[in-house]
Amino acid sequence: MVPPDVKEDLTVALRDTATEAQKIRRFAQFTLGNLSREKRQKKTFDLAMTVRKVFDAFIDVLQIQRKTQVDLVYVPTHGCFIEGYEMDWESVIVNLITNASWALDDVPAAQRRICVNLGDAGESWKLVFDDSGVGLEAGTQELIFLPAYSTKRSARGEMIGTGMGLFIVKSFFEEHSNGKVSAKAKGALGGASFEILIPKAALKNLKEAM
C-alpha cells in the first residue's frame, strides 16, 4: 500500500529503527541486569564472560559513534573464574572504557584502538587494558589512583570530573577480590595501560560455580 516513490526511503527508515531498537535492547538488558540480587552478592564467577558481556553492551557506541576499534582476541570466551562482586567488576570495565574513550578524543578516528588481554599468571589471572590515546603524564602512575585526582582537564586547564573513578576501581580490586592494579604511562598501543592481577577462585568454590 506504500507508493513506490517512498517505499525505498520507508524501508531504510524501518531498517534503521530496528537496528537502533536492538542496540537499546542490548544496553537495557545489561543495565537492568545490574539490579539482580545475585550480582550484589560475593561469589565465584567467570571474569572472561563478564568482560565480553560489558563490551557487547557498549560495542555499538565504541565502534559506530566513537569510531574505535576494539580487540578482544586475547580474552578467552570462558574459564577465568575469580571471587568477588560481579556488579563491581562490570563497573570497573565500564570505568576503564570511559577513561579510554576520553583519552581517544584527540586521536584521529583511524588510530583509535582499545585492546584487552586476559591470561594465566600462575595463581592469578592478569587483565591488561590498553588504549591508543594520549597516555598518562610521566610520574602520575600512582597519583591517578588517589581520591579527587584527575588527569582530565578543560581547555583552560581546569580539572574535569570528580577524580574518584580509578580510586574506586582500585578499591574494588584490593578490598573485594584481593587483587592488585598498576598503570603505565605508555603501553603496547602508545596510550595508558592498566595491569590487574586477580587471584584465581579457590578450587572448592570453582567446583560449586561450575
N, C-alpha and C. Protein backbone atom coordinates (compact mmCIF):
# COMPACT_ATOMS: atom_id res chain seq x y z
N MET A 1 0.82 -1.21 0.00
CA MET A 1 0.00 0.00 0.00
C MET A 1 0.85 1.27 0.00
N VAL A 2 2.17 1.13 0.07
CA VAL A 2 3.06 2.29 0.09
C VAL A 2 3.40 2.70 -1.33
N PRO A 3 3.27 3.97 -1.67
CA PRO A 3 3.61 4.43 -3.02
C PRO A 3 5.06 4.08 -3.36
N PRO A 4 5.35 3.68 -4.59
CA PRO A 4 6.72 3.26 -4.99
C PRO A 4 7.78 4.31 -4.73
N ASP A 5 7.41 5.60 -4.85
CA ASP A 5 8.43 6.65 -4.73
C ASP A 5 8.90 6.86 -3.28
N VAL A 6 8.15 6.32 -2.31
CA VAL A 6 8.59 6.46 -0.91
C VAL A 6 8.92 5.11 -0.28
N LYS A 7 8.70 4.02 -1.02
CA LYS A 7 8.90 2.68 -0.46
C LYS A 7 10.35 2.46 -0.02
N GLU A 8 11.29 2.88 -0.87
CA GLU A 8 12.70 2.66 -0.54
C GLU A 8 13.11 3.45 0.70
N ASP A 9 12.67 4.72 0.78
CA ASP A 9 13.02 5.55 1.95
C ASP A 9 12.40 4.96 3.22
N LEU A 10 11.17 4.47 3.09
CA LEU A 10 10.50 3.89 4.25
C LEU A 10 11.19 2.61 4.70
N THR A 11 11.62 1.81 3.74
CA THR A 11 12.31 0.57 4.07
C THR A 11 13.61 0.85 4.82
N VAL A 12 14.35 1.85 4.35
CA VAL A 12 15.61 2.22 5.01
C VAL A 12 15.33 2.73 6.42
N ALA A 13 14.29 3.55 6.56
CA ALA A 13 13.94 4.11 7.88
C ALA A 13 13.55 3.01 8.86
N LEU A 14 12.78 2.06 8.40
CA LEU A 14 12.36 0.95 9.25
C LEU A 14 13.55 0.09 9.65
N ARG A 15 14.46 -0.13 8.70
CA ARG A 15 15.66 -0.93 8.99
C ARG A 15 16.52 -0.23 10.03
N ASP A 16 16.69 1.09 9.88
CA ASP A 16 17.48 1.85 10.85
C ASP A 16 16.82 1.83 12.23
N THR A 17 15.49 1.94 12.25
CA THR A 17 14.76 1.91 13.52
C THR A 17 14.95 0.57 14.22
N ALA A 18 14.88 -0.51 13.45
CA ALA A 18 15.06 -1.84 14.03
C ALA A 18 16.47 -2.01 14.58
N THR A 19 17.46 -1.47 13.86
CA THR A 19 18.85 -1.56 14.31
C THR A 19 19.05 -0.80 15.62
N GLU A 20 18.52 0.42 15.68
CA GLU A 20 18.65 1.22 16.90
C GLU A 20 17.91 0.58 18.07
N ALA A 21 16.75 -0.03 17.78
CA ALA A 21 15.99 -0.69 18.84
C ALA A 21 16.77 -1.86 19.42
N GLN A 22 17.50 -2.57 18.55
CA GLN A 22 18.31 -3.69 19.01
C GLN A 22 19.44 -3.21 19.91
N LYS A 23 20.04 -2.08 19.57
CA LYS A 23 21.11 -1.50 20.38
C LYS A 23 20.57 -1.15 21.77
N ILE A 24 19.41 -0.50 21.80
CA ILE A 24 18.80 -0.10 23.07
C ILE A 24 18.46 -1.33 23.90
N ARG A 25 17.93 -2.35 23.24
CA ARG A 25 17.56 -3.58 23.94
C ARG A 25 18.78 -4.22 24.59
N ARG A 26 19.91 -4.29 23.84
CA ARG A 26 21.11 -4.92 24.37
C ARG A 26 21.65 -4.13 25.56
N PHE A 27 21.67 -2.81 25.45
CA PHE A 27 22.17 -1.99 26.55
C PHE A 27 21.23 -2.05 27.75
N ALA A 28 19.92 -2.08 27.49
CA ALA A 28 18.96 -2.16 28.58
C ALA A 28 19.09 -3.47 29.34
N GLN A 29 19.33 -4.55 28.62
CA GLN A 29 19.50 -5.84 29.28
C GLN A 29 20.70 -5.81 30.21
N PHE A 30 21.79 -5.19 29.76
CA PHE A 30 22.99 -5.08 30.59
C PHE A 30 22.72 -4.21 31.82
N THR A 31 22.08 -3.06 31.61
CA THR A 31 21.82 -2.13 32.70
C THR A 31 20.86 -2.72 33.74
N LEU A 32 19.76 -3.28 33.27
CA LEU A 32 18.79 -3.87 34.19
C LEU A 32 19.35 -5.09 34.91
N GLY A 33 20.31 -5.75 34.26
CA GLY A 33 20.94 -6.91 34.89
C GLY A 33 21.66 -6.56 36.17
N ASN A 34 22.08 -5.30 36.28
CA ASN A 34 22.78 -4.87 37.50
C ASN A 34 21.87 -4.78 38.71
N LEU A 35 20.57 -4.85 38.47
CA LEU A 35 19.63 -4.83 39.58
C LEU A 35 19.46 -6.21 40.20
N SER A 36 20.03 -7.21 39.56
CA SER A 36 19.91 -8.57 40.05
C SER A 36 20.57 -8.72 41.42
N ARG A 37 19.87 -9.36 42.34
CA ARG A 37 20.42 -9.59 43.68
C ARG A 37 21.67 -10.45 43.62
N GLU A 38 21.71 -11.37 42.67
CA GLU A 38 22.85 -12.28 42.54
C GLU A 38 24.14 -11.51 42.28
N LYS A 39 24.07 -10.45 41.48
CA LYS A 39 25.26 -9.67 41.16
C LYS A 39 25.74 -8.85 42.35
N ARG A 40 24.89 -8.68 43.35
CA ARG A 40 25.26 -7.89 44.52
C ARG A 40 25.72 -8.77 45.67
N GLN A 41 25.98 -10.03 45.37
CA GLN A 41 26.50 -10.97 46.35
C GLN A 41 27.89 -11.44 45.94
N LYS A 42 28.75 -11.59 46.92
CA LYS A 42 30.09 -12.07 46.61
C LYS A 42 30.01 -13.54 46.23
N LYS A 43 30.63 -13.89 45.12
CA LYS A 43 30.52 -15.26 44.62
C LYS A 43 31.68 -15.55 43.68
N THR A 44 31.72 -16.76 43.17
CA THR A 44 32.68 -17.14 42.14
C THR A 44 32.02 -16.96 40.78
N PHE A 45 32.67 -16.22 39.90
CA PHE A 45 32.10 -16.00 38.56
C PHE A 45 33.22 -15.95 37.52
N ASP A 46 32.83 -16.00 36.26
CA ASP A 46 33.77 -16.07 35.15
C ASP A 46 34.09 -14.66 34.66
N LEU A 47 35.29 -14.17 34.94
CA LEU A 47 35.68 -12.82 34.56
C LEU A 47 35.72 -12.64 33.04
N ALA A 48 36.13 -13.66 32.32
CA ALA A 48 36.19 -13.56 30.86
C ALA A 48 34.82 -13.27 30.27
N MET A 49 33.82 -13.97 30.76
CA MET A 49 32.46 -13.76 30.27
C MET A 49 31.94 -12.38 30.66
N THR A 50 32.32 -11.90 31.84
CA THR A 50 31.90 -10.58 32.29
C THR A 50 32.51 -9.49 31.41
N VAL A 51 33.80 -9.60 31.11
CA VAL A 51 34.47 -8.62 30.24
C VAL A 51 33.78 -8.56 28.89
N ARG A 52 33.53 -9.70 28.30
CA ARG A 52 32.89 -9.75 26.97
C ARG A 52 31.47 -9.21 27.02
N LYS A 53 30.75 -9.48 28.09
CA LYS A 53 29.37 -9.01 28.22
C LYS A 53 29.32 -7.48 28.28
N VAL A 54 30.23 -6.88 29.04
CA VAL A 54 30.26 -5.41 29.14
C VAL A 54 30.58 -4.80 27.78
N PHE A 55 31.59 -5.32 27.10
CA PHE A 55 31.94 -4.77 25.79
C PHE A 55 30.82 -4.97 24.78
N ASP A 56 30.10 -6.07 24.89
CA ASP A 56 28.98 -6.31 23.98
C ASP A 56 27.92 -5.23 24.15
N ALA A 57 27.71 -4.77 25.39
CA ALA A 57 26.72 -3.73 25.65
C ALA A 57 27.14 -2.38 25.09
N PHE A 58 28.45 -2.13 24.98
CA PHE A 58 28.96 -0.84 24.54
C PHE A 58 29.56 -0.86 23.13
N ILE A 59 29.54 -2.01 22.48
CA ILE A 59 30.27 -2.15 21.22
C ILE A 59 29.76 -1.20 20.14
N ASP A 60 28.46 -0.98 20.08
CA ASP A 60 27.92 -0.07 19.05
C ASP A 60 28.38 1.36 19.29
N VAL A 61 28.34 1.79 20.55
CA VAL A 61 28.80 3.14 20.88
C VAL A 61 30.27 3.30 20.54
N LEU A 62 31.07 2.30 20.90
CA LEU A 62 32.51 2.38 20.66
C LEU A 62 32.85 2.36 19.17
N GLN A 63 32.31 1.41 18.45
CA GLN A 63 32.70 1.23 17.05
C GLN A 63 32.02 2.21 16.11
N ILE A 64 30.73 2.48 16.32
CA ILE A 64 30.00 3.33 15.38
C ILE A 64 30.08 4.80 15.75
N GLN A 65 29.78 5.13 17.00
CA GLN A 65 29.77 6.53 17.39
C GLN A 65 31.17 7.06 17.70
N ARG A 66 31.97 6.23 18.41
CA ARG A 66 33.30 6.69 18.80
C ARG A 66 34.39 6.30 17.80
N LYS A 67 34.02 5.53 16.77
CA LYS A 67 34.98 5.13 15.72
C LYS A 67 36.22 4.47 16.31
N THR A 68 36.01 3.57 17.27
CA THR A 68 37.11 2.94 17.98
C THR A 68 37.15 1.45 17.69
N GLN A 69 38.31 0.95 17.29
CA GLN A 69 38.48 -0.48 17.06
C GLN A 69 38.70 -1.19 18.39
N VAL A 70 37.92 -2.22 18.64
CA VAL A 70 38.01 -2.98 19.89
C VAL A 70 38.59 -4.36 19.59
N ASP A 71 39.64 -4.72 20.34
CA ASP A 71 40.31 -6.01 20.14
C ASP A 71 40.19 -6.84 21.42
N LEU A 72 39.36 -7.88 21.34
CA LEU A 72 39.20 -8.81 22.47
C LEU A 72 39.73 -10.19 22.11
N VAL A 73 40.59 -10.25 21.10
CA VAL A 73 41.13 -11.53 20.64
C VAL A 73 41.82 -12.28 21.77
N TYR A 74 42.45 -11.54 22.66
CA TYR A 74 43.22 -12.17 23.74
C TYR A 74 42.41 -12.35 25.03
N VAL A 75 41.09 -12.29 24.91
CA VAL A 75 40.21 -12.56 26.05
C VAL A 75 39.50 -13.88 25.78
N PRO A 76 39.72 -14.90 26.60
CA PRO A 76 39.05 -16.19 26.38
C PRO A 76 37.53 -16.02 26.43
N THR A 77 36.81 -16.94 25.83
CA THR A 77 35.36 -16.88 25.87
C THR A 77 34.82 -17.29 27.24
N HIS A 78 35.60 -18.06 27.99
CA HIS A 78 35.18 -18.51 29.31
C HIS A 78 36.37 -19.15 30.03
N GLY A 79 36.16 -19.49 31.31
CA GLY A 79 37.16 -20.25 32.04
C GLY A 79 38.09 -19.48 32.95
N CYS A 80 37.80 -18.18 33.21
CA CYS A 80 38.67 -17.37 34.08
C CYS A 80 37.91 -17.01 35.36
N PHE A 81 37.82 -17.95 36.28
CA PHE A 81 36.99 -17.79 37.47
C PHE A 81 37.72 -17.04 38.59
N ILE A 82 37.02 -16.06 39.17
CA ILE A 82 37.54 -15.31 40.30
C ILE A 82 36.43 -15.19 41.35
N GLU A 83 36.78 -14.65 42.51
CA GLU A 83 35.79 -14.43 43.57
C GLU A 83 35.63 -12.93 43.79
N GLY A 84 34.40 -12.49 43.88
CA GLY A 84 34.14 -11.08 44.09
C GLY A 84 32.70 -10.74 43.79
N TYR A 85 32.43 -9.45 43.60
CA TYR A 85 31.10 -8.98 43.26
C TYR A 85 31.06 -8.69 41.76
N GLU A 86 30.25 -9.44 41.05
CA GLU A 86 30.23 -9.27 39.59
C GLU A 86 29.84 -7.85 39.20
N MET A 87 28.91 -7.24 39.93
CA MET A 87 28.49 -5.88 39.61
C MET A 87 29.66 -4.90 39.74
N ASP A 88 30.53 -5.11 40.73
CA ASP A 88 31.71 -4.26 40.88
C ASP A 88 32.58 -4.36 39.63
N TRP A 89 32.79 -5.58 39.16
CA TRP A 89 33.67 -5.78 38.02
C TRP A 89 33.08 -5.21 36.73
N GLU A 90 31.78 -5.26 36.60
CA GLU A 90 31.15 -4.62 35.45
C GLU A 90 31.40 -3.11 35.51
N SER A 91 31.27 -2.54 36.70
CA SER A 91 31.53 -1.10 36.88
C SER A 91 32.98 -0.77 36.56
N VAL A 92 33.90 -1.64 36.94
CA VAL A 92 35.31 -1.44 36.69
C VAL A 92 35.59 -1.38 35.19
N ILE A 93 35.05 -2.35 34.44
CA ILE A 93 35.28 -2.38 32.99
C ILE A 93 34.65 -1.16 32.33
N VAL A 94 33.46 -0.77 32.78
CA VAL A 94 32.82 0.43 32.23
C VAL A 94 33.69 1.65 32.49
N ASN A 95 34.26 1.75 33.69
CA ASN A 95 35.12 2.88 34.04
C ASN A 95 36.35 2.94 33.13
N LEU A 96 36.97 1.79 32.89
CA LEU A 96 38.15 1.75 32.03
C LEU A 96 37.79 2.12 30.59
N ILE A 97 36.63 1.67 30.13
CA ILE A 97 36.18 2.02 28.79
C ILE A 97 35.95 3.53 28.69
N THR A 98 35.31 4.09 29.72
CA THR A 98 35.03 5.53 29.73
C THR A 98 36.32 6.35 29.70
N ASN A 99 37.29 5.96 30.52
CA ASN A 99 38.57 6.67 30.56
C ASN A 99 39.28 6.58 29.21
N ALA A 100 39.25 5.38 28.61
CA ALA A 100 39.91 5.20 27.32
C ALA A 100 39.25 6.06 26.24
N SER A 101 37.92 6.11 26.26
CA SER A 101 37.19 6.91 25.26
C SER A 101 37.56 8.38 25.38
N TRP A 102 37.68 8.86 26.62
CA TRP A 102 38.09 10.25 26.81
C TRP A 102 39.50 10.47 26.28
N ALA A 103 40.39 9.53 26.54
CA ALA A 103 41.78 9.66 26.10
C ALA A 103 41.92 9.60 24.59
N LEU A 104 40.93 9.03 23.91
CA LEU A 104 40.98 8.88 22.45
C LEU A 104 40.34 10.05 21.71
N ASP A 105 39.78 11.00 22.45
CA ASP A 105 39.08 12.13 21.82
C ASP A 105 39.95 12.89 20.82
N ASP A 106 41.22 13.09 21.15
CA ASP A 106 42.09 13.89 20.30
C ASP A 106 42.92 13.04 19.33
N VAL A 107 42.58 11.76 19.23
CA VAL A 107 43.29 10.85 18.33
C VAL A 107 42.48 10.69 17.05
N PRO A 108 43.11 10.72 15.88
CA PRO A 108 42.38 10.51 14.62
C PRO A 108 41.59 9.21 14.66
N ALA A 109 40.39 9.21 14.09
CA ALA A 109 39.49 8.05 14.17
C ALA A 109 40.16 6.77 13.70
N ALA A 110 40.98 6.85 12.68
CA ALA A 110 41.62 5.65 12.13
C ALA A 110 42.63 5.03 13.10
N GLN A 111 43.03 5.78 14.12
CA GLN A 111 44.04 5.29 15.05
C GLN A 111 43.48 4.96 16.44
N ARG A 112 42.18 5.01 16.60
CA ARG A 112 41.57 4.77 17.91
C ARG A 112 41.43 3.26 18.15
N ARG A 113 42.10 2.78 19.18
CA ARG A 113 42.07 1.35 19.48
C ARG A 113 41.99 1.09 20.99
N ILE A 114 41.29 0.05 21.33
CA ILE A 114 41.27 -0.48 22.70
C ILE A 114 41.56 -1.97 22.59
N CYS A 115 42.50 -2.44 23.39
CA CYS A 115 42.86 -3.86 23.36
C CYS A 115 42.86 -4.40 24.80
N VAL A 116 42.20 -5.54 24.98
CA VAL A 116 42.14 -6.16 26.31
C VAL A 116 42.76 -7.55 26.24
N ASN A 117 43.57 -7.85 27.22
CA ASN A 117 44.25 -9.15 27.29
C ASN A 117 43.96 -9.76 28.66
N LEU A 118 43.47 -10.98 28.68
CA LEU A 118 43.19 -11.67 29.93
C LEU A 118 43.82 -13.06 29.86
N GLY A 119 44.81 -13.30 30.72
CA GLY A 119 45.53 -14.56 30.63
C GLY A 119 45.99 -15.11 31.96
N ASP A 120 46.55 -16.30 31.91
CA ASP A 120 47.02 -17.03 33.09
C ASP A 120 48.31 -16.42 33.61
N ALA A 121 48.38 -16.18 34.92
CA ALA A 121 49.59 -15.65 35.54
C ALA A 121 49.88 -16.44 36.81
N GLY A 122 49.92 -17.75 36.69
CA GLY A 122 50.19 -18.59 37.84
C GLY A 122 48.98 -18.74 38.74
N GLU A 123 49.06 -18.19 39.96
CA GLU A 123 47.96 -18.27 40.90
C GLU A 123 46.92 -17.17 40.66
N SER A 124 47.19 -16.33 39.69
CA SER A 124 46.28 -15.21 39.39
C SER A 124 45.93 -15.17 37.92
N TRP A 125 44.90 -14.39 37.61
CA TRP A 125 44.61 -14.00 36.23
C TRP A 125 45.15 -12.60 36.04
N LYS A 126 45.70 -12.32 34.86
CA LYS A 126 46.21 -10.97 34.58
C LYS A 126 45.36 -10.32 33.50
N LEU A 127 44.77 -9.20 33.85
CA LEU A 127 43.96 -8.43 32.92
C LEU A 127 44.73 -7.17 32.53
N VAL A 128 44.96 -6.98 31.24
CA VAL A 128 45.67 -5.80 30.75
C VAL A 128 44.75 -5.03 29.82
N PHE A 129 44.58 -3.76 30.10
CA PHE A 129 43.69 -2.89 29.34
C PHE A 129 44.52 -1.78 28.71
N ASP A 130 44.62 -1.76 27.38
CA ASP A 130 45.43 -0.77 26.66
C ASP A 130 44.56 0.08 25.74
N ASP A 131 44.97 1.33 25.54
CA ASP A 131 44.34 2.15 24.52
C ASP A 131 45.41 2.92 23.76
N SER A 132 45.03 3.47 22.63
CA SER A 132 45.99 4.22 21.79
C SER A 132 45.84 5.72 21.99
N GLY A 133 45.40 6.11 23.18
CA GLY A 133 45.16 7.53 23.46
C GLY A 133 46.40 8.31 23.80
N VAL A 134 46.21 9.38 24.54
CA VAL A 134 47.30 10.32 24.83
C VAL A 134 48.26 9.79 25.88
N GLY A 135 47.87 8.74 26.60
CA GLY A 135 48.74 8.21 27.65
C GLY A 135 48.66 9.03 28.92
N LEU A 136 49.43 8.62 29.90
CA LEU A 136 49.47 9.34 31.18
C LEU A 136 50.69 10.24 31.23
N GLU A 137 50.55 11.31 31.95
CA GLU A 137 51.70 12.19 32.16
C GLU A 137 52.73 11.45 33.02
N ALA A 138 53.98 11.51 32.63
CA ALA A 138 55.04 10.83 33.37
C ALA A 138 55.01 11.22 34.85
N GLY A 139 55.07 10.20 35.71
CA GLY A 139 55.10 10.45 37.14
C GLY A 139 53.73 10.44 37.80
N THR A 140 52.66 10.23 37.01
CA THR A 140 51.32 10.24 37.59
C THR A 140 50.75 8.83 37.75
N GLN A 141 51.56 7.81 37.47
CA GLN A 141 51.06 6.43 37.50
C GLN A 141 50.45 6.04 38.84
N GLU A 142 50.97 6.57 39.93
CA GLU A 142 50.42 6.28 41.25
C GLU A 142 49.37 7.31 41.65
N LEU A 143 49.55 8.55 41.22
CA LEU A 143 48.64 9.63 41.61
C LEU A 143 47.23 9.41 41.10
N ILE A 144 47.09 8.77 39.92
CA ILE A 144 45.76 8.63 39.33
C ILE A 144 44.82 7.77 40.17
N PHE A 145 45.38 7.00 41.10
CA PHE A 145 44.54 6.15 41.95
C PHE A 145 44.16 6.84 43.26
N LEU A 146 44.62 8.07 43.45
CA LEU A 146 44.29 8.81 44.67
C LEU A 146 42.91 9.47 44.52
N PRO A 147 42.14 9.56 45.61
CA PRO A 147 40.82 10.19 45.53
C PRO A 147 40.95 11.66 45.16
N ALA A 148 40.02 12.12 44.31
CA ALA A 148 39.92 13.52 43.88
C ALA A 148 41.04 13.95 42.94
N TYR A 149 41.84 12.98 42.44
CA TYR A 149 42.88 13.34 41.46
C TYR A 149 42.38 12.97 40.07
N SER A 150 42.47 13.88 39.14
CA SER A 150 42.02 13.61 37.78
C SER A 150 42.99 14.19 36.77
N THR A 151 43.23 13.43 35.70
CA THR A 151 44.08 13.91 34.61
C THR A 151 43.26 14.66 33.57
N LYS A 152 41.93 14.64 33.71
CA LYS A 152 41.06 15.29 32.73
C LYS A 152 41.07 16.80 32.98
N ARG A 153 41.35 17.55 31.93
CA ARG A 153 41.41 19.00 32.04
C ARG A 153 40.60 19.66 30.93
N SER A 154 40.02 20.81 31.24
CA SER A 154 39.30 21.59 30.24
C SER A 154 40.32 22.35 29.40
N ALA A 155 39.82 23.08 28.41
CA ALA A 155 40.71 23.88 27.56
C ALA A 155 41.46 24.93 28.38
N ARG A 156 40.89 25.31 29.53
CA ARG A 156 41.54 26.31 30.38
C ARG A 156 42.42 25.67 31.45
N GLY A 157 42.55 24.33 31.36
CA GLY A 157 43.42 23.64 32.30
C GLY A 157 42.78 23.27 33.61
N GLU A 158 41.46 23.45 33.71
CA GLU A 158 40.76 23.13 34.94
C GLU A 158 40.38 21.66 34.98
N MET A 159 40.42 21.07 36.18
CA MET A 159 40.11 19.66 36.32
C MET A 159 38.65 19.38 36.02
N ILE A 160 38.41 18.29 35.26
CA ILE A 160 37.05 17.87 34.93
C ILE A 160 36.75 16.58 35.67
N GLY A 161 35.55 16.47 36.19
CA GLY A 161 35.15 15.23 36.86
C GLY A 161 35.51 15.24 38.34
N THR A 162 35.16 14.13 39.00
CA THR A 162 35.38 14.02 40.44
C THR A 162 36.75 13.47 40.80
N GLY A 163 37.39 12.77 39.86
CA GLY A 163 38.67 12.15 40.16
C GLY A 163 38.54 10.92 41.04
N MET A 164 37.33 10.36 41.13
CA MET A 164 37.10 9.23 42.02
C MET A 164 37.07 7.89 41.29
N GLY A 165 36.97 7.91 39.96
CA GLY A 165 36.80 6.69 39.19
C GLY A 165 37.85 5.63 39.44
N LEU A 166 39.11 5.96 39.24
CA LEU A 166 40.19 4.98 39.39
C LEU A 166 40.45 4.65 40.86
N PHE A 167 40.15 5.59 41.75
CA PHE A 167 40.25 5.29 43.18
C PHE A 167 39.26 4.19 43.56
N ILE A 168 38.04 4.31 43.04
CA ILE A 168 37.01 3.29 43.30
C ILE A 168 37.40 1.97 42.66
N VAL A 169 37.94 2.03 41.44
CA VAL A 169 38.39 0.82 40.74
C VAL A 169 39.41 0.07 41.59
N LYS A 170 40.40 0.80 42.08
CA LYS A 170 41.44 0.17 42.88
C LYS A 170 40.86 -0.42 44.16
N SER A 171 39.91 0.28 44.76
CA SER A 171 39.28 -0.22 45.99
C SER A 171 38.56 -1.54 45.74
N PHE A 172 37.88 -1.65 44.61
CA PHE A 172 37.20 -2.89 44.26
C PHE A 172 38.18 -4.05 44.20
N PHE A 173 39.30 -3.83 43.50
CA PHE A 173 40.29 -4.89 43.32
C PHE A 173 40.87 -5.34 44.66
N GLU A 174 41.31 -4.37 45.44
CA GLU A 174 42.05 -4.69 46.65
C GLU A 174 41.16 -5.20 47.79
N GLU A 175 40.00 -4.60 47.96
CA GLU A 175 39.16 -4.94 49.10
C GLU A 175 38.23 -6.13 48.86
N HIS A 176 37.77 -6.29 47.61
CA HIS A 176 36.77 -7.32 47.35
C HIS A 176 37.31 -8.54 46.60
N SER A 177 38.44 -8.39 45.89
CA SER A 177 38.97 -9.53 45.13
C SER A 177 40.43 -9.81 45.45
N ASN A 178 40.99 -9.10 46.43
CA ASN A 178 42.40 -9.28 46.81
C ASN A 178 43.34 -9.12 45.62
N GLY A 179 42.98 -8.22 44.74
CA GLY A 179 43.79 -8.01 43.54
C GLY A 179 44.75 -6.84 43.68
N LYS A 180 45.53 -6.64 42.63
CA LYS A 180 46.47 -5.52 42.57
C LYS A 180 46.35 -4.85 41.20
N VAL A 181 46.46 -3.55 41.17
CA VAL A 181 46.37 -2.82 39.91
C VAL A 181 47.54 -1.84 39.79
N SER A 182 48.06 -1.71 38.60
CA SER A 182 49.14 -0.77 38.34
C SER A 182 48.92 -0.14 36.97
N ALA A 183 49.55 1.00 36.75
CA ALA A 183 49.37 1.71 35.49
C ALA A 183 50.72 2.04 34.87
N LYS A 184 50.74 2.09 33.54
CA LYS A 184 51.91 2.55 32.80
C LYS A 184 51.52 3.78 31.99
N ALA A 185 52.44 4.73 31.93
CA ALA A 185 52.16 5.95 31.17
C ALA A 185 51.96 5.64 29.70
N LYS A 186 52.74 4.72 29.16
CA LYS A 186 52.66 4.31 27.76
C LYS A 186 52.67 2.79 27.68
N GLY A 187 51.62 2.23 27.12
CA GLY A 187 51.54 0.79 26.99
C GLY A 187 51.80 0.31 25.57
N ALA A 188 51.31 -0.87 25.26
CA ALA A 188 51.57 -1.50 23.96
C ALA A 188 51.01 -0.71 22.78
N LEU A 189 49.92 0.04 23.01
CA LEU A 189 49.29 0.81 21.93
C LEU A 189 49.71 2.27 21.94
N GLY A 190 50.59 2.63 22.85
CA GLY A 190 51.06 4.00 22.92
C GLY A 190 50.33 4.87 23.92
N GLY A 191 49.16 4.41 24.37
CA GLY A 191 48.41 5.15 25.37
C GLY A 191 48.58 4.54 26.75
N ALA A 192 47.69 4.89 27.65
CA ALA A 192 47.75 4.36 29.01
C ALA A 192 47.52 2.86 29.02
N SER A 193 48.12 2.19 29.99
CA SER A 193 47.96 0.74 30.13
C SER A 193 47.71 0.41 31.60
N PHE A 194 46.69 -0.38 31.85
CA PHE A 194 46.36 -0.81 33.21
C PHE A 194 46.52 -2.31 33.32
N GLU A 195 47.28 -2.76 34.32
CA GLU A 195 47.50 -4.19 34.54
C GLU A 195 46.91 -4.57 35.89
N ILE A 196 46.05 -5.57 35.87
CA ILE A 196 45.35 -6.00 37.08
C ILE A 196 45.61 -7.49 37.32
N LEU A 197 46.05 -7.82 38.52
CA LEU A 197 46.25 -9.21 38.91
C LEU A 197 45.17 -9.60 39.90
N ILE A 198 44.43 -10.66 39.58
CA ILE A 198 43.32 -11.11 40.41
C ILE A 198 43.52 -12.58 40.76
N PRO A 199 43.56 -12.93 42.04
CA PRO A 199 43.73 -14.34 42.42
C PRO A 199 42.63 -15.21 41.79
N LYS A 200 43.02 -16.39 41.38
CA LYS A 200 42.04 -17.33 40.82
C LYS A 200 41.13 -17.83 41.94
N ALA A 201 39.92 -18.22 41.57
CA ALA A 201 38.98 -18.74 42.54
C ALA A 201 39.51 -20.03 43.15
N ALA A 202 39.23 -20.22 44.44
CA ALA A 202 39.64 -21.45 45.12
C ALA A 202 38.99 -22.65 44.46
N LEU A 203 39.70 -23.78 44.45
CA LEU A 203 39.22 -24.96 43.76
C LEU A 203 37.84 -25.39 44.24
N LYS A 204 37.61 -25.35 45.57
CA LYS A 204 36.32 -25.79 46.10
C LYS A 204 35.19 -24.88 45.63
N ASN A 205 35.47 -23.58 45.53
CA ASN A 205 34.46 -22.65 45.04
C ASN A 205 34.25 -22.78 43.53
N LEU A 206 35.33 -23.13 42.84
CA LEU A 206 35.25 -23.30 41.39
C LEU A 206 34.32 -24.47 41.05
N LYS A 207 34.41 -25.55 41.79
CA LYS A 207 33.55 -26.70 41.55
C LYS A 207 32.08 -26.35 41.75
N GLU A 208 31.80 -25.50 42.76
CA GLU A 208 30.43 -25.10 43.03
C GLU A 208 29.91 -24.22 41.91
N ALA A 209 30.77 -23.31 41.38
CA ALA A 209 30.35 -22.38 40.33
C ALA A 209 30.06 -23.09 39.02
N MET A 210 30.78 -24.20 38.78
CA MET A 210 30.61 -24.93 37.53
C MET A 210 29.52 -25.99 37.66
